[in-house]
């Protein structure tokens, strides 16, 4: 289960508290504070704290001493202009701190986004829980034959069953040995240091961290990880975070959705090809100096 009854009681207690403040609050985000949104089989994402809202972005862009303009369309238009023209610093005025529970192999992919502050659960100090990510059969695929870091066709039912049995057995055996190694020698264990015993655990065991990031760098993370080509196990976390951000800064998120998630960046050869096509000319990859892969990606963009 993602959270224990004790943890849920603590969350309920946190959500029951309130305090008056002069700082800006975003009503949409207030509804999400502390709530654990389940991801995968044992994971979750929850908002611990945040700073700023849509008005903080426009305030920073104008370097004003008050809130954004009272005309909503002006603030929304400015945010869209900033997003459209890649003006990033106003978005850095908003920050969010998340508590994330995720498999170790997802965390190692996530941590490549270095423009954030991270504090992870310490397996040198504490004992990891017996919780492992076991994928659903519909997410078990063969290796892609055209993408070395992607998935191909679905496994057969027999092979899926075989994979799941291997994952479950290996995870259980590894954790049993982990417990034996850290157990006190008086109780039949070895009393091995926790920092050493953890190296025997597989990459599908769950870890947790606090992850604090500004909105500009969060959008960069989401642009890559909420993309359809991202690995499923990290994409579902990004999708859940997208929902939170949409409620937190709705104008900024809509601009991000339009210009980043739903938009496309074209190279100069791609623009040349598109212009020729609009004129009714026949165009090939060789005509504009594009590789086969570039051409295939370009054709995917224009449908």
Protein backbone atom coordinates (compact mmCIF):
# COMPACT_ATOMS: atom_id res chain seq x y z
CA UNK A 1 0.00 0.00 0.00
CA UNK A 2 1.32 3.53 -0.76
CA UNK A 3 0.84 4.88 2.79
CA UNK A 4 0.20 3.26 6.15
CA UNK A 5 -2.79 4.09 8.40
CA UNK A 6 -0.38 5.94 10.70
CA UNK A 7 0.89 8.06 7.81
CA UNK A 8 -2.66 8.78 6.68
CA UNK A 9 -3.56 9.91 10.19
CA UNK A 10 -0.58 12.27 10.14
CA UNK A 11 -1.66 13.63 6.74
CA UNK A 12 -5.23 14.16 7.99
CA UNK A 13 -3.85 16.02 10.99
CA UNK A 14 -1.74 18.27 8.77
CA UNK A 15 -4.67 19.00 6.48
CA UNK A 16 -6.87 19.88 9.44
CA UNK A 17 -4.53 22.68 10.45
CA UNK A 18 -4.66 26.20 9.03
CA UNK A 19 -2.98 29.53 9.66
CA UNK A 20 -3.55 33.12 8.59
CA UNK A 21 -0.81 34.54 6.38
CA UNK A 22 0.09 37.55 4.25
CA UNK A 23 1.82 35.38 1.68
CA UNK A 24 0.18 34.53 -1.60
CA UNK A 25 -1.83 31.30 -1.60
CA UNK A 26 -3.12 29.43 -4.62
CA UNK A 27 -6.59 28.00 -3.82
CA UNK A 28 -6.14 25.12 -6.26
CA UNK A 29 -2.91 24.03 -4.62
CA UNK A 30 -4.28 24.45 -1.12
CA UNK A 31 -6.67 21.61 -1.90
CA UNK A 32 -3.73 19.32 -2.68
CA UNK A 33 -1.47 20.14 0.28
CA UNK A 34 -0.21 16.99 2.04
CA UNK A 35 -2.58 14.67 0.15
CA UNK A 36 -0.85 11.55 -1.18
CA UNK A 37 -1.77 10.84 -4.80
CA UNK A 38 -1.07 7.20 -5.59
CA UNK A 39 1.30 6.33 -8.43
CA UNK A 40 2.23 2.78 -9.53
CA UNK A 41 1.60 0.01 -6.99
CA UNK A 42 3.22 1.46 -3.85
CA UNK A 43 4.28 4.98 -4.87
CA UNK A 44 2.80 8.42 -4.37
CA UNK A 45 3.32 12.14 -4.92
CA UNK A 46 2.23 14.75 -2.40
CA UNK A 47 2.76 18.50 -2.08
CA UNK A 48 4.56 19.56 1.09
CA UNK A 49 4.90 23.28 0.36
CA UNK A 50 4.82 25.79 -2.49
CA UNK A 51 5.54 29.45 -3.18
CA UNK A 52 3.90 31.81 -5.64
CA UNK A 53 1.11 31.64 -8.18
CA UNK A 54 0.38 32.96 -11.68
CA UNK A 55 0.48 36.54 -10.40
CA UNK A 56 3.98 36.01 -9.02
CA UNK A 57 5.17 35.28 -12.55
CA UNK A 58 3.74 38.47 -14.04
CA UNK A 59 4.86 40.49 -11.01
CA UNK A 60 8.43 39.34 -11.55
CA UNK A 61 8.23 39.99 -15.29
CA UNK A 62 7.15 43.58 -14.66
CA UNK A 63 9.30 43.94 -11.52
CA UNK A 64 6.33 45.63 -9.86
CA UNK A 65 5.72 46.09 -6.15
CA UNK A 66 2.17 44.76 -6.14
CA UNK A 67 0.21 41.92 -7.65
CA UNK A 68 -0.21 41.40 -11.34
CA UNK A 69 -2.61 43.57 -13.29
CA UNK A 70 -6.28 43.38 -12.44
CA UNK A 71 -7.09 42.60 -16.06
CA UNK A 72 -6.88 38.83 -16.14
CA UNK A 73 -6.44 38.68 -19.90
CA UNK A 74 -3.35 40.90 -19.59
CA UNK A 75 -1.71 38.61 -17.06
CA UNK A 76 -2.61 35.50 -19.03
CA UNK A 77 -1.39 37.08 -22.25
CA UNK A 78 1.92 38.06 -20.66
CA UNK A 79 2.46 34.54 -19.30
CA UNK A 80 1.81 33.10 -22.74
CA UNK A 81 4.24 35.61 -24.26
CA UNK A 82 6.92 34.65 -21.74
CA UNK A 83 6.40 30.95 -22.44
CA UNK A 84 6.27 31.44 -26.20
CA UNK A 85 9.55 33.35 -26.28
CA UNK A 86 11.39 31.19 -23.72
CA UNK A 87 11.70 33.91 -21.06
CA UNK A 88 12.42 31.61 -18.14
CA UNK A 89 13.36 33.70 -15.10
CA UNK A 90 9.80 34.89 -14.20
CA UNK A 91 8.75 31.24 -13.88
CA UNK A 92 11.61 30.66 -11.45
CA UNK A 93 9.78 32.86 -8.92
CA UNK A 94 7.42 29.95 -8.17
CA UNK A 95 8.63 26.87 -6.29
CA UNK A 96 7.17 23.59 -5.13
CA UNK A 97 8.33 20.94 -2.66
CA UNK A 98 7.13 17.41 -3.26
CA UNK A 99 7.32 14.22 -1.21
CA UNK A 100 7.73 11.36 -3.66
CA UNK A 101 7.80 7.62 -3.10
CA UNK A 102 9.21 5.82 -6.13
CA UNK A 103 11.21 2.78 -7.25
CA UNK A 104 14.98 3.21 -7.12
CA UNK A 105 15.40 2.74 -10.88
CA UNK A 106 12.90 5.57 -11.49
CA UNK A 107 14.71 7.74 -8.95
CA UNK A 108 18.01 7.22 -10.76
CA UNK A 109 16.42 8.42 -13.99
CA UNK A 110 14.68 11.32 -12.21
CA UNK A 111 17.87 12.54 -10.50
CA UNK A 112 19.39 13.36 -13.89
CA UNK A 113 17.36 16.56 -13.60
CA UNK A 114 19.97 18.28 -11.48
CA UNK A 115 18.40 21.75 -11.13
CA UNK A 116 16.49 20.86 -7.97
CA UNK A 117 17.07 20.30 -4.26
CA UNK A 118 16.80 16.67 -3.14
CA UNK A 119 16.94 14.86 0.17
CA UNK A 120 16.46 11.10 -0.07
CA UNK A 121 15.57 8.49 2.53
CA UNK A 122 18.85 7.17 3.93
CA UNK A 123 19.33 3.41 3.75
CA UNK A 124 22.60 3.93 5.64
CA UNK A 125 20.61 5.05 8.65
CA UNK A 126 17.17 3.46 8.22
CA UNK A 127 15.85 0.10 7.05
CA UNK A 128 14.06 0.04 3.72
CA UNK A 129 10.53 -1.39 3.61
CA UNK A 130 9.73 -4.64 1.86
CA UNK A 131 8.02 -2.90 -1.04
CA UNK A 132 8.92 -3.57 -4.66
CA UNK A 133 7.52 -2.32 -7.93
CA UNK A 134 5.93 -5.22 -9.77
CA UNK A 135 4.56 -4.04 -13.14
CA UNK A 136 1.16 -4.95 -14.48
CA UNK A 137 1.24 -7.40 -17.39
CA UNK A 138 0.14 -4.73 -19.88
CA UNK A 139 3.38 -2.85 -19.18
CA UNK A 140 5.66 -5.78 -19.96
CA UNK A 141 7.13 -5.46 -23.45
CA UNK A 142 9.96 -6.78 -25.56
CA UNK A 143 12.95 -4.64 -26.42
CA UNK A 144 12.21 -2.23 -29.25
CA UNK A 145 14.00 -3.07 -32.50
CA UNK A 146 14.20 0.60 -33.57
CA UNK A 147 14.87 2.34 -30.24
CA UNK A 148 17.61 1.04 -27.97
CA UNK A 149 16.05 2.69 -24.92
CA UNK A 150 12.43 1.88 -25.63
CA UNK A 151 9.83 -0.89 -25.56
CA UNK A 152 8.46 -2.87 -28.45
CA UNK A 153 5.69 -5.41 -28.77
CA UNK A 154 3.88 -6.76 -25.71
CA UNK A 155 5.08 -10.03 -24.24
CA UNK A 156 3.01 -13.15 -24.62
CA UNK A 157 0.85 -14.17 -21.67
CA UNK A 158 3.22 -17.03 -20.85
CA UNK A 159 6.32 -14.82 -20.96
CA UNK A 160 4.58 -12.11 -18.89
CA UNK A 161 3.73 -14.65 -16.22
CA UNK A 162 7.31 -15.92 -16.26
CA UNK A 163 8.73 -12.39 -15.86
CA UNK A 164 6.42 -11.59 -12.95
CA UNK A 165 7.37 -14.79 -11.16
CA UNK A 166 11.06 -13.97 -11.61
CA UNK A 167 10.61 -10.41 -10.31
CA UNK A 168 8.60 -11.50 -7.28
CA UNK A 169 10.95 -14.35 -6.39
CA UNK A 170 14.14 -12.31 -6.82
CA UNK A 171 12.71 -9.37 -4.85
CA UNK A 172 11.63 -11.61 -1.95
CA UNK A 173 14.93 -13.50 -1.87
CA UNK A 174 16.99 -10.31 -1.97
CA UNK A 175 15.01 -8.78 0.90
CA UNK A 176 15.22 -11.97 2.96
CA UNK A 177 19.01 -11.87 2.61
CA UNK A 178 19.01 -8.13 3.38
CA UNK A 179 17.17 -8.84 6.64
CA UNK A 180 19.59 -11.65 7.50
CA UNK A 181 22.59 -9.41 6.93
CA UNK A 182 21.30 -6.53 9.07
CA UNK A 183 19.85 -8.72 11.82
CA UNK A 184 21.78 -8.77 15.09
CA UNK A 185 24.13 -11.75 15.29
CA UNK A 186 22.53 -12.73 18.61
CA UNK A 187 19.32 -13.40 16.66
CA UNK A 188 20.96 -15.47 13.96
CA UNK A 189 21.90 -12.58 11.70
CA UNK A 190 25.25 -11.13 10.70
CA UNK A 191 24.93 -7.53 11.99
CA UNK A 192 26.38 -6.18 8.76
CA UNK A 193 26.38 -2.39 8.47
CA UNK A 194 23.21 -1.14 6.80
CA UNK A 195 25.22 0.89 4.31
CA UNK A 196 26.70 -2.37 3.04
CA UNK A 197 23.65 -4.60 3.29
CA UNK A 198 21.63 -2.28 1.04
CA UNK A 199 23.83 -3.06 -1.97
CA UNK A 200 22.10 -6.44 -2.31
CA UNK A 201 18.67 -4.89 -2.88
CA UNK A 202 17.28 -4.72 -6.43
CA UNK A 203 16.50 -1.52 -8.32
CA UNK A 204 12.73 -2.05 -8.08
CA UNK A 205 12.66 -1.47 -4.31
CA UNK A 206 10.94 1.75 -3.24
CA UNK A 207 12.73 4.79 -1.88
CA UNK A 208 11.42 8.23 -0.89
CA UNK A 209 12.64 11.80 -1.16
CA UNK A 210 11.74 15.44 -0.80
CA UNK A 211 12.21 17.21 -4.13
CA UNK A 212 12.09 21.02 -4.34
CA UNK A 213 12.22 22.75 -7.70
CA UNK A 214 11.26 26.06 -9.29
CA UNK A 215 8.52 26.18 -11.91
CA UNK A 216 10.83 26.79 -14.86
CA UNK A 217 12.90 23.69 -14.14
CA UNK A 218 9.78 21.72 -13.24
CA UNK A 219 8.36 22.52 -16.67
CA UNK A 220 11.59 21.25 -18.23
CA UNK A 221 11.21 18.01 -16.26
CA UNK A 222 7.58 17.64 -17.29
CA UNK A 223 8.30 18.42 -20.95
CA UNK A 224 10.62 15.42 -21.09
CA UNK A 225 8.96 13.01 -18.66
CA UNK A 226 5.30 13.63 -19.47
CA UNK A 227 6.08 13.06 -23.13
CA UNK A 228 4.60 9.98 -24.78
CA UNK A 229 8.12 8.69 -25.51
CA UNK A 230 9.20 8.77 -21.85
CA UNK A 231 9.45 5.53 -19.90
CA UNK A 232 6.05 4.59 -18.50
CA UNK A 233 7.21 4.28 -14.88
CA UNK A 234 8.45 7.87 -14.71
CA UNK A 235 5.77 9.25 -17.03
CA UNK A 236 2.97 8.35 -14.62
CA UNK A 237 4.68 10.44 -11.94
CA UNK A 238 5.03 13.34 -14.37
CA UNK A 239 1.35 13.01 -15.36
CA UNK A 240 0.31 13.22 -11.70
CA UNK A 241 2.49 16.28 -11.15
CA UNK A 242 0.96 17.90 -14.24
CA UNK A 243 -2.45 17.70 -12.56
CA UNK A 244 -1.06 19.43 -9.46
CA UNK A 245 0.61 22.20 -11.46
CA UNK A 246 -2.55 22.79 -13.51
CA UNK A 247 -4.43 23.57 -10.29
CA UNK A 248 -1.55 25.62 -8.86
CA UNK A 249 -0.74 27.96 -11.79
CA UNK A 250 -3.50 27.42 -14.35
CA UNK A 251 -2.43 30.16 -16.79
CA UNK A 252 1.21 29.09 -16.75
CA UNK A 253 0.31 25.44 -17.13
CA UNK A 254 -2.02 26.12 -20.06
CA UNK A 255 0.76 28.05 -21.79
CA UNK A 256 3.17 25.21 -21.06
CA UNK A 257 0.65 22.69 -22.38
CA UNK A 258 0.15 24.66 -25.60
CA UNK A 259 3.75 25.64 -26.35
CA UNK A 260 5.78 22.78 -24.86
CA UNK A 261 3.72 19.61 -24.37
CA UNK A 262 1.51 20.14 -27.40
CA UNK A 263 3.90 22.25 -29.44
CA UNK A 264 6.88 21.33 -31.59
CA UNK A 265 10.30 22.79 -32.27
CA UNK A 266 11.38 22.77 -35.90
CA UNK A 267 14.92 22.96 -37.25
CA UNK A 268 15.81 25.31 -40.10
CA UNK A 269 15.72 22.44 -42.65
CA UNK A 270 12.30 21.43 -41.30
CA UNK A 271 11.01 24.98 -41.69
CA UNK A 272 12.39 25.08 -45.24
CA UNK A 273 10.64 21.79 -46.03
CA UNK A 274 7.36 23.01 -44.56
CA UNK A 275 7.50 26.23 -46.59
CA UNK A 276 8.08 24.25 -49.78
CA UNK A 277 5.16 21.95 -48.94
CA UNK A 278 2.85 24.93 -48.35
CA UNK A 279 3.77 26.13 -51.83
CA UNK A 280 2.70 22.77 -53.20
CA UNK A 281 6.22 21.55 -53.97
CA UNK A 282 7.34 17.94 -53.64
CA UNK A 283 10.02 17.68 -50.94
CA UNK A 284 12.30 14.85 -49.84
CA UNK A 285 14.72 14.58 -46.92
CA UNK A 286 17.64 14.93 -49.33
CA UNK A 287 16.25 18.17 -50.73
CA UNK A 288 16.60 19.90 -47.36
CA UNK A 289 19.54 17.95 -45.95
CA UNK A 290 17.69 15.99 -43.27
CA UNK A 291 18.62 12.52 -42.06
CA UNK A 292 16.13 9.66 -42.29
CA UNK A 293 15.42 9.90 -38.57
CA UNK A 294 14.99 13.68 -38.69
CA UNK A 295 12.59 13.29 -41.61
CA UNK A 296 10.59 10.61 -39.82
CA UNK A 297 10.25 12.81 -36.72
CA UNK A 298 9.33 15.79 -38.87
CA UNK A 299 6.61 13.81 -40.64
CA UNK A 300 5.23 12.72 -37.25
CA UNK A 301 4.95 16.38 -36.24
CA UNK A 302 3.07 17.50 -39.35
CA UNK A 303 0.95 14.37 -39.47
